């Protein structure tokens, strides 16, 4: 009697070309996903760093502007502390370099930047020559707002609820200046824009 044949499972070593292609495709997809994720993280990190730097720069520049406005006083020729004022610009006199002479300082909105112009009086007698104005860009990437002006002005009776002074601004009535500004290095991407607002009481114009 012949012995029964056992069922045999045929084994083969290695992978077929099709299996190799599938494995390589999956590996490529995983590698692409990891690379894209790391790239997005790098972009987000750079953007956050830019915004943090922008916040620091904004705080620094605004602190300078606030200090200069708060210390505004008569020019070295005796002119009124505020020369001109509008919702997008202000020109005043302040001793910005602490040399005992009051410079003519102008802050104004130009497109999406804040510009600063300074005139150092010179000559004998002293003259504020507009041709000598030194202008620099102090803040970039400004978001223009149609509802909140860059500058707003209030009179001596302002306690927090009174309306702003009407246009055109009578500079002799100005006692308080409010600055409002939003800045974003890239408005299309998060995080949200940086908003800054400060109300400045001009010391040399206080009546009490």
Protein backbone atom coordinates (compact mmCIF):
# COMPACT_ATOMS: atom_id res chain seq x y z
CA UNK A 1 0.00 0.00 0.00
CA UNK A 2 1.46 3.28 -1.14
CA UNK A 3 1.74 6.07 1.45
CA UNK A 4 -0.47 9.13 0.90
CA UNK A 5 1.20 12.26 -0.36
CA UNK A 6 1.21 15.15 2.03
CA UNK A 7 -0.26 18.52 0.97
CA UNK A 8 2.61 20.77 0.12
CA UNK A 9 2.55 24.60 0.43
CA UNK A 10 4.82 26.09 -2.12
CA UNK A 11 7.01 28.89 -0.75
CA UNK A 12 8.99 31.43 -2.70
CA UNK A 13 11.66 33.77 -1.53
CA UNK A 14 11.77 37.59 -2.22
CA UNK A 15 9.14 39.96 -3.63
CA UNK A 16 7.67 40.39 -7.04
CA UNK A 17 8.31 43.58 -9.01
CA UNK A 18 4.71 44.68 -8.35
CA UNK A 19 5.15 44.32 -4.60
CA UNK A 20 8.42 46.26 -4.71
CA UNK A 21 6.73 49.09 -6.62
CA UNK A 22 3.90 49.22 -4.07
CA UNK A 23 6.30 49.36 -1.12
CA UNK A 24 8.42 52.07 -2.73
CA UNK A 25 5.30 54.11 -3.56
CA UNK A 26 4.08 53.94 0.03
CA UNK A 27 7.54 54.89 1.30
CA UNK A 28 7.68 57.84 -1.12
CA UNK A 29 4.27 59.05 0.02
CA UNK A 30 5.25 58.84 3.67
CA UNK A 31 8.53 60.64 2.97
CA UNK A 32 6.69 63.37 1.04
CA UNK A 33 4.15 63.82 3.85
CA UNK A 34 6.90 64.10 6.49
CA UNK A 35 8.87 66.56 4.36
CA UNK A 36 5.78 68.69 3.72
CA UNK A 37 4.91 68.69 7.42
CA UNK A 38 8.43 69.78 8.36
CA UNK A 39 8.35 72.45 5.67
CA UNK A 40 5.06 73.80 6.99
CA UNK A 41 6.44 73.81 10.52
CA UNK A 42 9.47 75.78 9.36
CA UNK A 43 7.26 78.29 7.55
CA UNK A 44 5.05 78.69 10.63
CA UNK A 45 8.08 79.05 12.91
CA UNK A 46 9.59 81.73 10.66
CA UNK A 47 6.27 83.57 10.50
CA UNK A 48 5.84 83.48 14.28
CA UNK A 49 9.40 84.72 14.74
CA UNK A 50 8.73 87.55 12.28
CA UNK A 51 5.60 88.52 14.15
CA UNK A 52 7.40 88.45 17.50
CA UNK A 53 10.12 90.65 16.09
CA UNK A 54 7.49 92.91 14.57
CA UNK A 55 5.79 93.20 17.96
CA UNK A 56 9.08 94.14 19.62
CA UNK A 57 9.92 96.67 16.91
CA UNK A 58 6.41 98.11 17.06
CA UNK A 59 6.53 98.49 20.85
CA UNK A 60 9.91 100.20 20.64
CA UNK A 61 8.93 102.65 17.90
CA UNK A 62 5.62 103.49 19.55
CA UNK A 63 7.30 104.10 22.87
CA UNK A 64 9.59 106.61 21.15
CA UNK A 65 6.62 108.29 19.46
CA UNK A 66 4.67 108.43 22.73
CA UNK A 67 7.62 109.92 24.63
CA UNK A 68 8.21 112.59 21.98
CA UNK A 69 4.53 113.55 21.78
CA UNK A 70 4.10 113.61 25.54
CA UNK A 71 7.10 115.98 25.76
CA UNK A 72 5.96 118.28 22.95
CA UNK A 73 6.52 121.96 23.68
CA UNK A 74 7.01 125.35 22.05
CA UNK A 75 9.57 125.43 19.25
CA UNK A 76 12.95 127.05 19.80
CA UNK A 77 11.44 130.06 17.97
CA UNK A 78 8.43 130.18 20.28
CA UNK A 79 5.91 128.56 17.92
CA UNK A 80 2.95 126.59 19.31
CA UNK A 81 3.87 122.99 20.28
CA UNK A 82 1.65 121.44 17.57
CA UNK A 83 2.14 122.84 14.08
CA UNK A 84 -0.34 120.71 12.10
CA UNK A 85 -2.64 117.79 12.89
CA UNK A 86 -4.80 115.45 10.81
CA UNK A 87 -6.04 111.86 11.03
CA UNK A 88 -3.00 110.59 9.10
CA UNK A 89 -0.23 112.91 10.30
CA UNK A 90 0.96 115.19 13.07
CA UNK A 91 3.75 117.78 13.19
CA UNK A 92 4.99 119.04 16.53
CA UNK A 93 8.08 120.28 18.35
CA UNK A 94 10.00 118.17 20.84
CA UNK A 95 13.56 117.90 22.13
CA UNK A 96 14.09 114.41 20.72
CA UNK A 97 17.87 114.33 21.20
CA UNK A 98 17.88 116.04 24.62
CA UNK A 99 20.22 118.85 23.58
CA UNK A 100 18.04 121.69 24.83
CA UNK A 101 16.85 122.60 21.30
CA UNK A 102 13.38 121.55 20.13
CA UNK A 103 13.31 119.72 16.82
CA UNK A 104 10.39 119.79 14.40
CA UNK A 105 9.02 116.23 14.32
CA UNK A 106 6.56 114.89 11.76
CA UNK A 107 4.88 111.47 11.89
CA UNK A 108 2.73 110.55 8.91
CA UNK A 109 1.11 107.58 7.21
CA UNK A 110 2.45 106.92 3.71
CA UNK A 111 0.79 104.01 1.89
CA UNK A 112 1.44 101.06 4.25
CA UNK A 113 4.32 102.63 6.20
CA UNK A 114 4.75 105.13 9.01
CA UNK A 115 7.34 107.77 8.22
CA UNK A 116 9.17 110.05 10.62
CA UNK A 117 10.67 113.36 9.58
CA UNK A 118 12.93 115.44 11.84
CA UNK A 119 14.23 118.97 11.26
CA UNK A 120 17.05 120.24 13.45
CA UNK A 121 16.92 124.04 13.62
CA UNK A 122 20.13 125.74 12.52
CA UNK A 123 21.57 129.17 11.84
CA UNK A 124 21.63 132.45 13.69
CA UNK A 125 18.83 133.22 14.14
CA UNK A 126 17.55 129.64 14.19
CA UNK A 127 15.52 128.43 11.21
CA UNK A 128 13.56 125.20 10.66
CA UNK A 129 14.47 124.58 7.02
CA UNK A 130 12.14 121.98 5.46
CA UNK A 131 14.89 121.12 2.96
CA UNK A 132 16.94 119.65 5.82
CA UNK A 133 14.24 117.24 7.03
CA UNK A 134 15.67 113.77 7.66
CA UNK A 135 13.01 111.15 6.90
CA UNK A 136 13.03 107.49 7.91
CA UNK A 137 10.58 104.59 7.76
CA UNK A 138 9.85 103.48 11.31
CA UNK A 139 6.98 100.99 10.81
CA UNK A 140 6.11 98.87 7.77
CA UNK A 141 3.22 96.55 6.84
CA UNK A 142 0.54 98.85 8.23
CA UNK A 143 -3.06 97.73 7.77
CA UNK A 144 -5.09 100.70 6.64
CA UNK A 145 -8.33 101.11 8.59
CA UNK A 146 -11.29 103.12 7.33
CA UNK A 147 -13.02 103.01 10.71
CA UNK A 148 -10.16 103.85 13.11
CA UNK A 149 -7.88 106.77 12.10
CA UNK A 150 -4.18 106.69 12.82
CA UNK A 151 -4.49 109.87 14.91
CA UNK A 152 -7.46 111.17 16.91
CA UNK A 153 -7.51 114.36 18.96
CA UNK A 154 -9.32 115.48 22.11
CA UNK A 155 -9.67 118.75 23.99
CA UNK A 156 -9.05 119.79 27.58
CA UNK A 157 -12.44 118.48 28.80
CA UNK A 158 -11.82 114.92 27.65
CA UNK A 159 -12.48 112.33 30.38
CA UNK A 160 -12.89 109.22 28.23
CA UNK A 161 -16.33 109.57 26.66
CA UNK A 162 -16.25 112.91 24.82
CA UNK A 163 -16.15 112.90 21.00
CA UNK A 164 -13.01 113.63 19.02
CA UNK A 165 -12.25 117.16 17.88
CA UNK A 166 -13.87 117.91 14.52
CA UNK A 167 -11.94 118.26 11.27
CA UNK A 168 -10.07 120.33 10.32
CA UNK A 169 -8.20 120.14 13.60
CA UNK A 170 -7.70 123.37 15.51
CA UNK A 171 -4.28 122.61 16.99
CA UNK A 172 -4.74 125.15 19.78
CA UNK A 173 -7.56 122.95 21.14
CA UNK A 174 -5.55 119.73 21.19
CA UNK A 175 -4.60 118.42 24.60
CA UNK A 176 -4.71 114.66 24.05
CA UNK A 177 -3.65 112.54 21.08
CA UNK A 178 -4.77 108.96 20.53
CA UNK A 179 -2.75 106.67 18.26
CA UNK A 180 -4.31 103.50 16.82
CA UNK A 181 -2.55 101.16 14.44
CA UNK A 182 -2.59 97.56 13.18
CA UNK A 183 0.48 95.91 11.68
CA UNK A 184 0.92 92.50 10.04
CA UNK A 185 3.99 91.06 8.32
CA UNK A 186 1.67 88.82 6.28
CA UNK A 187 -2.07 89.56 6.54
CA UNK A 188 -3.00 86.32 4.69
CA UNK A 189 -1.49 84.03 7.32
CA UNK A 190 -2.03 83.49 11.04
CA UNK A 191 -1.47 84.60 13.75
CA UNK A 192 -3.63 87.71 13.82
CA UNK A 193 -2.33 91.24 13.16
CA UNK A 194 -0.74 93.24 15.93
CA UNK A 195 -2.94 96.06 17.24
CA UNK A 196 -1.55 98.97 19.19
CA UNK A 197 -3.39 101.88 20.76
CA UNK A 198 -2.33 104.55 23.23
CA UNK A 199 -3.79 107.81 24.51
CA UNK A 200 -1.19 110.52 25.13
CA UNK A 201 -1.67 113.52 27.37
CA UNK A 202 0.68 116.31 26.22
CA UNK A 203 2.28 117.56 29.42
CA UNK A 204 3.07 121.11 28.34
CA UNK A 205 -0.54 121.66 27.18
CA UNK A 206 -2.29 120.51 30.35
CA UNK A 207 -4.47 123.15 31.95
CA UNK A 208 -4.57 121.48 35.37
